[in-house]
Amino acid sequence: MGTKRDIRRCALQALYQFDAGRADTPDVVRTSLNESTGEEAAHDQGFDLAVHAWEHRAEADRAVAAVAPDWPTYRQPAIDRSILRLAYYEMVHGGTPPKVAINEAVELAREFSTEKSHLFVNGVLDKLYREMKGEGEQVQKSTSPQEEPP
């Protein structure tokens, strides 16, 4: 069994490909994970995690837009958008403790994105977490689009 980080790396890779227009070719995306770090079990679990996060992307995008209105989805770098979607899914639907999901997202941003992206990802997810703690499900129903650029 692969590590949780290997699973998240695979999920991020698949989400990125879905976002790049490969959502209609899931078998191609799944096959591409064979080149990823980790064992086959991690690839399978990562792909499944990505599929679930992709299914909830509109919800995640609305929640992010509410706390980062200056950075609507279309302005975010694709890798950061995928990281945010993955972390949001894990925090809200995946059963991952929010602080763990945030930390893992920040580490993915450090590894795969720009020099400042980890700050953006951390800021957005921290705001989401604080809203979730203070207002329960309110974060899921948000619709307005703030944060430091990546």
N, C-alpha and C. Protein backbone atom coordinates (compact mmCIF):
# COMPACT_ATOMS: atom_id res chain seq x y z
N MET A 1 0.84 -1.19 0.00
CA MET A 1 0.00 0.00 0.00
C MET A 1 0.88 1.24 0.00
N GLY A 2 0.53 2.21 -0.81
CA GLY A 2 1.31 3.43 -0.92
C GLY A 2 1.04 4.37 0.24
N THR A 3 1.90 5.35 0.36
CA THR A 3 1.71 6.34 1.40
C THR A 3 0.59 7.29 1.03
N LYS A 4 0.05 7.96 2.02
CA LYS A 4 -1.01 8.95 1.77
C LYS A 4 -0.51 10.04 0.83
N ARG A 5 0.75 10.41 0.97
CA ARG A 5 1.29 11.45 0.10
C ARG A 5 1.36 10.96 -1.34
N ASP A 6 1.77 9.70 -1.56
CA ASP A 6 1.78 9.14 -2.91
C ASP A 6 0.38 9.14 -3.50
N ILE A 7 -0.59 8.80 -2.68
CA ILE A 7 -1.99 8.79 -3.13
C ILE A 7 -2.41 10.20 -3.54
N ARG A 8 -2.06 11.19 -2.73
CA ARG A 8 -2.41 12.58 -3.05
C ARG A 8 -1.68 13.06 -4.31
N ARG A 9 -0.44 12.66 -4.47
CA ARG A 9 0.29 13.04 -5.69
C ARG A 9 -0.41 12.50 -6.93
N CYS A 10 -0.83 11.26 -6.86
CA CYS A 10 -1.55 10.65 -7.98
C CYS A 10 -2.89 11.35 -8.21
N ALA A 11 -3.58 11.65 -7.12
CA ALA A 11 -4.86 12.36 -7.24
C ALA A 11 -4.65 13.72 -7.89
N LEU A 12 -3.62 14.43 -7.47
CA LEU A 12 -3.32 15.74 -8.05
C LEU A 12 -3.02 15.61 -9.54
N GLN A 13 -2.22 14.62 -9.91
CA GLN A 13 -1.89 14.41 -11.31
C GLN A 13 -3.16 14.15 -12.13
N ALA A 14 -4.03 13.31 -11.62
CA ALA A 14 -5.27 13.01 -12.34
C ALA A 14 -6.18 14.23 -12.41
N LEU A 15 -6.33 14.97 -11.30
CA LEU A 15 -7.17 16.17 -11.31
C LEU A 15 -6.66 17.19 -12.32
N TYR A 16 -5.35 17.34 -12.37
CA TYR A 16 -4.75 18.28 -13.31
C TYR A 16 -5.10 17.87 -14.75
N GLN A 17 -5.02 16.59 -15.03
CA GLN A 17 -5.36 16.11 -16.37
C GLN A 17 -6.85 16.27 -16.67
N PHE A 18 -7.70 16.01 -15.68
CA PHE A 18 -9.14 16.23 -15.87
C PHE A 18 -9.39 17.69 -16.22
N ASP A 19 -8.74 18.59 -15.48
CA ASP A 19 -8.93 20.02 -15.69
C ASP A 19 -8.40 20.46 -17.05
N ALA A 20 -7.41 19.75 -17.56
CA ALA A 20 -6.83 20.09 -18.86
C ALA A 20 -7.63 19.52 -20.03
N GLY A 21 -8.78 18.93 -19.73
CA GLY A 21 -9.65 18.44 -20.78
C GLY A 21 -9.64 16.95 -20.98
N ARG A 22 -9.07 16.21 -20.05
CA ARG A 22 -9.01 14.76 -20.21
C ARG A 22 -10.07 14.04 -19.39
N ALA A 23 -11.05 14.78 -18.87
CA ALA A 23 -12.08 14.17 -18.03
C ALA A 23 -12.91 13.15 -18.82
N ASP A 24 -12.96 13.31 -20.13
CA ASP A 24 -13.73 12.37 -20.94
C ASP A 24 -12.94 11.12 -21.32
N THR A 25 -11.68 11.05 -20.86
CA THR A 25 -10.84 9.89 -21.14
C THR A 25 -10.23 9.35 -19.84
N PRO A 26 -11.07 8.90 -18.91
CA PRO A 26 -10.54 8.46 -17.61
C PRO A 26 -9.56 7.30 -17.70
N ASP A 27 -9.72 6.43 -18.68
CA ASP A 27 -8.79 5.31 -18.81
C ASP A 27 -7.38 5.79 -19.17
N VAL A 28 -7.30 6.83 -19.99
CA VAL A 28 -6.00 7.39 -20.36
C VAL A 28 -5.35 8.03 -19.13
N VAL A 29 -6.16 8.74 -18.35
CA VAL A 29 -5.64 9.37 -17.14
C VAL A 29 -5.16 8.30 -16.16
N ARG A 30 -5.97 7.27 -15.97
CA ARG A 30 -5.59 6.20 -15.04
C ARG A 30 -4.28 5.53 -15.49
N THR A 31 -4.15 5.28 -16.78
CA THR A 31 -2.93 4.66 -17.31
C THR A 31 -1.71 5.55 -17.10
N SER A 32 -1.90 6.85 -17.21
CA SER A 32 -0.78 7.78 -17.04
C SER A 32 -0.21 7.73 -15.63
N LEU A 33 -1.00 7.29 -14.67
CA LEU A 33 -0.54 7.23 -13.28
C LEU A 33 0.48 6.11 -13.07
N ASN A 34 0.59 5.20 -14.02
CA ASN A 34 1.57 4.11 -13.90
C ASN A 34 3.00 4.64 -13.79
N GLU A 35 3.23 5.85 -14.27
CA GLU A 35 4.56 6.45 -14.21
C GLU A 35 4.77 7.23 -12.92
N SER A 36 3.75 7.30 -12.07
CA SER A 36 3.83 8.08 -10.85
C SER A 36 4.57 7.34 -9.74
N THR A 37 4.95 8.11 -8.74
CA THR A 37 5.59 7.56 -7.56
C THR A 37 4.61 6.65 -6.82
N GLY A 38 5.12 5.62 -6.21
CA GLY A 38 4.28 4.76 -5.39
C GLY A 38 3.86 3.49 -6.10
N GLU A 39 3.17 2.67 -5.35
CA GLU A 39 2.72 1.37 -5.84
C GLU A 39 1.40 1.49 -6.60
N GLU A 40 1.03 0.40 -7.23
CA GLU A 40 -0.22 0.38 -8.00
C GLU A 40 -1.42 0.70 -7.13
N ALA A 41 -1.41 0.24 -5.89
CA ALA A 41 -2.53 0.54 -4.98
C ALA A 41 -2.67 2.04 -4.76
N ALA A 42 -1.54 2.74 -4.65
CA ALA A 42 -1.57 4.20 -4.49
C ALA A 42 -2.13 4.86 -5.74
N HIS A 43 -1.78 4.33 -6.90
CA HIS A 43 -2.29 4.88 -8.15
C HIS A 43 -3.81 4.73 -8.21
N ASP A 44 -4.29 3.55 -7.86
CA ASP A 44 -5.74 3.30 -7.89
C ASP A 44 -6.48 4.18 -6.89
N GLN A 45 -5.94 4.26 -5.67
CA GLN A 45 -6.58 5.09 -4.65
C GLN A 45 -6.52 6.56 -5.02
N GLY A 46 -5.41 6.99 -5.60
CA GLY A 46 -5.29 8.37 -6.04
C GLY A 46 -6.27 8.71 -7.15
N PHE A 47 -6.41 7.79 -8.08
CA PHE A 47 -7.37 8.01 -9.17
C PHE A 47 -8.78 8.12 -8.61
N ASP A 48 -9.15 7.22 -7.71
CA ASP A 48 -10.48 7.27 -7.10
C ASP A 48 -10.70 8.58 -6.35
N LEU A 49 -9.70 9.02 -5.61
CA LEU A 49 -9.78 10.28 -4.89
C LEU A 49 -9.98 11.44 -5.86
N ALA A 50 -9.26 11.42 -6.96
CA ALA A 50 -9.38 12.48 -7.97
C ALA A 50 -10.78 12.50 -8.58
N VAL A 51 -11.32 11.33 -8.87
CA VAL A 51 -12.67 11.27 -9.45
C VAL A 51 -13.68 11.90 -8.50
N HIS A 52 -13.58 11.59 -7.22
CA HIS A 52 -14.52 12.16 -6.25
C HIS A 52 -14.33 13.67 -6.12
N ALA A 53 -13.08 14.12 -6.07
CA ALA A 53 -12.81 15.56 -5.98
C ALA A 53 -13.31 16.27 -7.23
N TRP A 54 -13.13 15.65 -8.39
CA TRP A 54 -13.59 16.24 -9.65
C TRP A 54 -15.12 16.37 -9.66
N GLU A 55 -15.80 15.39 -9.13
CA GLU A 55 -17.26 15.44 -9.06
C GLU A 55 -17.76 16.58 -8.18
N HIS A 56 -16.95 17.01 -7.23
CA HIS A 56 -17.33 18.09 -6.31
C HIS A 56 -16.63 19.41 -6.64
N ARG A 57 -16.07 19.52 -7.85
CA ARG A 57 -15.28 20.70 -8.19
C ARG A 57 -16.09 21.99 -8.19
N ALA A 58 -17.33 21.97 -8.64
CA ALA A 58 -18.14 23.19 -8.66
C ALA A 58 -18.37 23.70 -7.24
N GLU A 59 -18.64 22.79 -6.34
CA GLU A 59 -18.82 23.14 -4.93
C GLU A 59 -17.52 23.73 -4.37
N ALA A 60 -16.41 23.09 -4.66
CA ALA A 60 -15.11 23.57 -4.19
C ALA A 60 -14.80 24.95 -4.78
N ASP A 61 -15.06 25.12 -6.05
CA ASP A 61 -14.79 26.40 -6.71
C ASP A 61 -15.61 27.53 -6.10
N ARG A 62 -16.88 27.26 -5.79
CA ARG A 62 -17.73 28.27 -5.14
C ARG A 62 -17.18 28.64 -3.76
N ALA A 63 -16.77 27.64 -3.01
CA ALA A 63 -16.24 27.89 -1.66
C ALA A 63 -14.95 28.71 -1.73
N VAL A 64 -14.08 28.38 -2.66
CA VAL A 64 -12.83 29.12 -2.82
C VAL A 64 -13.12 30.54 -3.29
N ALA A 65 -14.03 30.69 -4.21
CA ALA A 65 -14.37 32.02 -4.73
C ALA A 65 -14.88 32.93 -3.61
N ALA A 66 -15.56 32.36 -2.64
CA ALA A 66 -16.11 33.15 -1.54
C ALA A 66 -15.01 33.74 -0.66
N VAL A 67 -13.90 33.04 -0.52
CA VAL A 67 -12.83 33.53 0.35
C VAL A 67 -11.67 34.15 -0.44
N ALA A 68 -11.69 34.01 -1.75
CA ALA A 68 -10.63 34.58 -2.60
C ALA A 68 -11.25 35.26 -3.81
N PRO A 69 -12.06 36.32 -3.59
CA PRO A 69 -12.78 36.94 -4.71
C PRO A 69 -11.87 37.56 -5.76
N ASP A 70 -10.65 37.93 -5.40
CA ASP A 70 -9.72 38.50 -6.38
C ASP A 70 -9.07 37.43 -7.24
N TRP A 71 -9.27 36.17 -6.87
CA TRP A 71 -8.67 35.06 -7.61
C TRP A 71 -9.73 34.04 -8.01
N PRO A 72 -10.62 34.44 -8.93
CA PRO A 72 -11.62 33.47 -9.39
C PRO A 72 -10.94 32.27 -10.06
N THR A 73 -11.66 31.21 -10.15
CA THR A 73 -11.13 29.94 -10.66
C THR A 73 -10.33 30.11 -11.95
N TYR A 74 -10.84 30.87 -12.90
CA TYR A 74 -10.18 30.99 -14.19
C TYR A 74 -8.83 31.72 -14.10
N ARG A 75 -8.58 32.47 -13.03
CA ARG A 75 -7.31 33.18 -12.87
C ARG A 75 -6.27 32.38 -12.10
N GLN A 76 -6.70 31.31 -11.46
CA GLN A 76 -5.77 30.50 -10.68
C GLN A 76 -4.94 29.60 -11.60
N PRO A 77 -3.68 29.44 -11.28
CA PRO A 77 -2.90 28.45 -12.04
C PRO A 77 -3.58 27.08 -11.92
N ALA A 78 -3.56 26.32 -12.98
CA ALA A 78 -4.27 25.03 -13.01
C ALA A 78 -3.83 24.11 -11.88
N ILE A 79 -2.54 24.09 -11.56
CA ILE A 79 -2.06 23.19 -10.52
C ILE A 79 -2.60 23.63 -9.15
N ASP A 80 -2.63 24.94 -8.92
CA ASP A 80 -3.17 25.44 -7.65
C ASP A 80 -4.66 25.15 -7.54
N ARG A 81 -5.36 25.32 -8.63
CA ARG A 81 -6.80 25.03 -8.67
C ARG A 81 -7.04 23.56 -8.33
N SER A 82 -6.23 22.69 -8.89
CA SER A 82 -6.36 21.25 -8.59
C SER A 82 -6.03 20.95 -7.13
N ILE A 83 -5.01 21.58 -6.60
CA ILE A 83 -4.66 21.38 -5.19
C ILE A 83 -5.80 21.84 -4.28
N LEU A 84 -6.36 23.00 -4.58
CA LEU A 84 -7.47 23.51 -3.77
C LEU A 84 -8.69 22.59 -3.84
N ARG A 85 -8.99 22.10 -5.02
CA ARG A 85 -10.13 21.19 -5.17
C ARG A 85 -9.92 19.90 -4.39
N LEU A 86 -8.71 19.37 -4.46
CA LEU A 86 -8.40 18.14 -3.74
C LEU A 86 -8.51 18.36 -2.23
N ALA A 87 -7.92 19.43 -1.73
CA ALA A 87 -7.96 19.70 -0.29
C ALA A 87 -9.38 19.96 0.17
N TYR A 88 -10.13 20.70 -0.61
CA TYR A 88 -11.52 20.97 -0.24
C TYR A 88 -12.30 19.66 -0.13
N TYR A 89 -12.16 18.82 -1.12
CA TYR A 89 -12.87 17.54 -1.06
C TYR A 89 -12.47 16.75 0.18
N GLU A 90 -11.18 16.68 0.44
CA GLU A 90 -10.72 15.92 1.61
C GLU A 90 -11.26 16.50 2.91
N MET A 91 -11.31 17.82 3.01
CA MET A 91 -11.79 18.47 4.23
C MET A 91 -13.28 18.29 4.43
N VAL A 92 -14.05 18.41 3.36
CA VAL A 92 -15.51 18.43 3.48
C VAL A 92 -16.14 17.06 3.31
N HIS A 93 -15.64 16.26 2.40
CA HIS A 93 -16.29 14.99 2.08
C HIS A 93 -15.42 13.76 2.32
N GLY A 94 -14.11 13.94 2.39
CA GLY A 94 -13.20 12.80 2.41
C GLY A 94 -12.84 12.26 3.77
N GLY A 95 -13.30 12.91 4.82
CA GLY A 95 -13.01 12.42 6.16
C GLY A 95 -11.61 12.71 6.65
N THR A 96 -10.86 13.53 5.93
CA THR A 96 -9.51 13.90 6.35
C THR A 96 -9.63 15.08 7.31
N PRO A 97 -8.94 15.03 8.44
CA PRO A 97 -8.96 16.20 9.33
C PRO A 97 -8.51 17.44 8.55
N PRO A 98 -9.24 18.55 8.68
CA PRO A 98 -8.91 19.74 7.89
C PRO A 98 -7.47 20.20 8.01
N LYS A 99 -6.90 20.16 9.21
CA LYS A 99 -5.51 20.62 9.35
C LYS A 99 -4.55 19.72 8.58
N VAL A 100 -4.85 18.43 8.51
CA VAL A 100 -4.02 17.51 7.74
C VAL A 100 -4.16 17.81 6.25
N ALA A 101 -5.40 18.00 5.79
CA ALA A 101 -5.64 18.32 4.38
C ALA A 101 -4.94 19.61 3.98
N ILE A 102 -4.99 20.61 4.85
CA ILE A 102 -4.33 21.89 4.56
C ILE A 102 -2.83 21.70 4.48
N ASN A 103 -2.25 21.02 5.46
CA ASN A 103 -0.81 20.79 5.46
C ASN A 103 -0.36 20.03 4.21
N GLU A 104 -1.11 19.00 3.85
CA GLU A 104 -0.75 18.21 2.66
C GLU A 104 -0.87 19.05 1.39
N ALA A 105 -1.89 19.90 1.33
CA ALA A 105 -2.06 20.77 0.16
C ALA A 105 -0.90 21.75 0.05
N VAL A 106 -0.47 22.30 1.18
CA VAL A 106 0.66 23.23 1.18
C VAL A 106 1.93 22.51 0.70
N GLU A 107 2.12 21.28 1.15
CA GLU A 107 3.30 20.52 0.71
C GLU A 107 3.24 20.21 -0.78
N LEU A 108 2.05 19.89 -1.29
CA LEU A 108 1.91 19.66 -2.74
C LEU A 108 2.22 20.94 -3.52
N ALA A 109 1.75 22.07 -3.01
CA ALA A 109 2.03 23.34 -3.68
C ALA A 109 3.53 23.64 -3.67
N ARG A 110 4.21 23.36 -2.57
CA ARG A 110 5.66 23.57 -2.51
C ARG A 110 6.38 22.70 -3.54
N GLU A 111 5.87 21.47 -3.68
CA GLU A 111 6.53 20.51 -4.57
C GLU A 111 6.24 20.74 -6.05
N PHE A 112 5.01 21.14 -6.36
CA PHE A 112 4.60 21.16 -7.77
C PHE A 112 4.27 22.53 -8.36
N SER A 113 4.18 23.56 -7.54
CA SER A 113 3.74 24.84 -8.07
C SER A 113 4.82 25.92 -7.93
N THR A 114 4.39 27.15 -8.01
CA THR A 114 5.33 28.27 -8.00
C THR A 114 5.88 28.54 -6.60
N GLU A 115 6.83 29.44 -6.54
CA GLU A 115 7.51 29.77 -5.29
C GLU A 115 6.56 30.29 -4.22
N LYS A 116 5.51 31.02 -4.62
CA LYS A 116 4.59 31.61 -3.65
C LYS A 116 3.26 30.88 -3.54
N SER A 117 3.06 29.87 -4.34
CA SER A 117 1.77 29.19 -4.35
C SER A 117 1.39 28.58 -3.01
N HIS A 118 2.38 28.07 -2.29
CA HIS A 118 2.05 27.46 -0.99
C HIS A 118 1.42 28.49 -0.04
N LEU A 119 1.82 29.76 -0.17
CA LEU A 119 1.23 30.81 0.66
C LEU A 119 -0.22 31.06 0.28
N PHE A 120 -0.48 31.09 -1.02
CA PHE A 120 -1.84 31.28 -1.52
C PHE A 120 -2.73 30.12 -1.08
N VAL A 121 -2.28 28.90 -1.31
CA VAL A 121 -3.04 27.71 -0.95
C VAL A 121 -3.32 27.68 0.55
N ASN A 122 -2.31 27.97 1.35
CA ASN A 122 -2.48 27.98 2.80
C ASN A 122 -3.49 29.04 3.22
N GLY A 123 -3.38 30.23 2.67
CA GLY A 123 -4.30 31.31 3.02
C GLY A 123 -5.75 31.00 2.68
N VAL A 124 -5.95 30.49 1.49
CA VAL A 124 -7.32 30.16 1.06
C VAL A 124 -7.90 29.04 1.92
N LEU A 125 -7.15 27.98 2.10
CA LEU A 125 -7.67 26.85 2.87
C LEU A 125 -7.85 27.18 4.34
N ASP A 126 -6.98 28.03 4.88
CA ASP A 126 -7.16 28.45 6.27
C ASP A 126 -8.46 29.23 6.43
N LYS A 127 -8.75 30.12 5.48
CA LYS A 127 -10.01 30.87 5.54
C LYS A 127 -11.20 29.93 5.42
N LEU A 128 -11.11 28.96 4.52
CA LEU A 128 -12.20 27.99 4.39
C LEU A 128 -12.40 27.22 5.70
N TYR A 129 -11.31 26.80 6.29
CA TYR A 129 -11.38 26.04 7.54
C TYR A 129 -12.02 26.87 8.65
N ARG A 130 -11.60 28.14 8.76
CA ARG A 130 -12.19 29.00 9.79
C ARG A 130 -13.68 29.20 9.56
N GLU A 131 -14.09 29.34 8.31
CA GLU A 131 -15.52 29.45 8.01
C GLU A 131 -16.26 28.18 8.36
N MET A 132 -15.66 27.05 8.04
CA MET A 132 -16.30 25.76 8.34
C MET A 132 -16.47 25.60 9.84
N LYS A 133 -15.48 25.97 10.61
CA LYS A 133 -15.55 25.85 12.06
C LYS A 133 -16.60 26.78 12.64
N GLY A 134 -16.65 28.00 12.11
CA GLY A 134 -17.53 29.01 12.68
C GLY A 134 -18.94 29.00 12.16
N GLU A 135 -19.11 28.56 10.92
CA GLU A 135 -20.42 28.67 10.29
C GLU A 135 -20.91 27.36 9.71
N GLY A 136 -20.30 26.26 10.07
CA GLY A 136 -20.77 24.95 9.62
C GLY A 136 -20.78 24.80 8.12
N GLU A 137 -21.93 24.48 7.57
CA GLU A 137 -22.08 24.21 6.14
C GLU A 137 -22.12 25.48 5.30
N GLN A 138 -22.06 26.64 5.92
CA GLN A 138 -22.14 27.90 5.20
C GLN A 138 -21.11 27.99 4.09
N VAL A 139 -19.92 27.48 4.29
CA VAL A 139 -18.86 27.57 3.29
C VAL A 139 -19.25 26.88 1.98
N GLN A 140 -20.05 25.84 2.04
CA GLN A 140 -20.45 25.12 0.83
C GLN A 140 -21.45 25.91 0.01
N LYS A 141 -22.18 26.81 0.63
CA LYS A 141 -23.23 27.53 -0.07
C LYS A 141 -22.76 28.90 -0.56
N SER A 142 -21.53 29.25 -0.31
CA SER A 142 -21.00 30.55 -0.71
C SER A 142 -20.95 30.67 -2.22
N THR A 143 -21.16 31.91 -2.71
CA THR A 143 -21.14 32.10 -4.15
C THR A 143 -20.29 33.29 -4.59
N SER A 144 -19.87 34.15 -3.71
CA SER A 144 -19.07 35.27 -4.16
C SER A 144 -17.60 34.93 -4.25
N PRO A 145 -16.73 35.47 -5.21
CA PRO A 145 -15.30 35.19 -5.33
C PRO A 145 -14.38 36.01 -4.42
N GLN A 146 -10.14 36.34 -2.64
CA GLN A 146 -9.30 37.38 -2.10
C GLN A 146 -8.07 36.64 -1.67
N GLU A 147 -7.22 36.92 -1.98
CA GLU A 147 -6.00 36.31 -1.49
C GLU A 147 -4.83 36.78 -2.33
N GLU A 148 -3.67 36.59 -1.81
CA GLU A 148 -2.41 36.92 -2.49
C GLU A 148 -2.26 36.06 -3.75
N PRO A 149 -1.84 36.63 -4.86
CA PRO A 149 -1.68 35.83 -6.08
C PRO A 149 -0.60 34.77 -5.92
N PRO A 150 -0.77 33.65 -6.62
CA PRO A 150 0.24 32.58 -6.58
C PRO A 150 1.54 33.00 -7.24
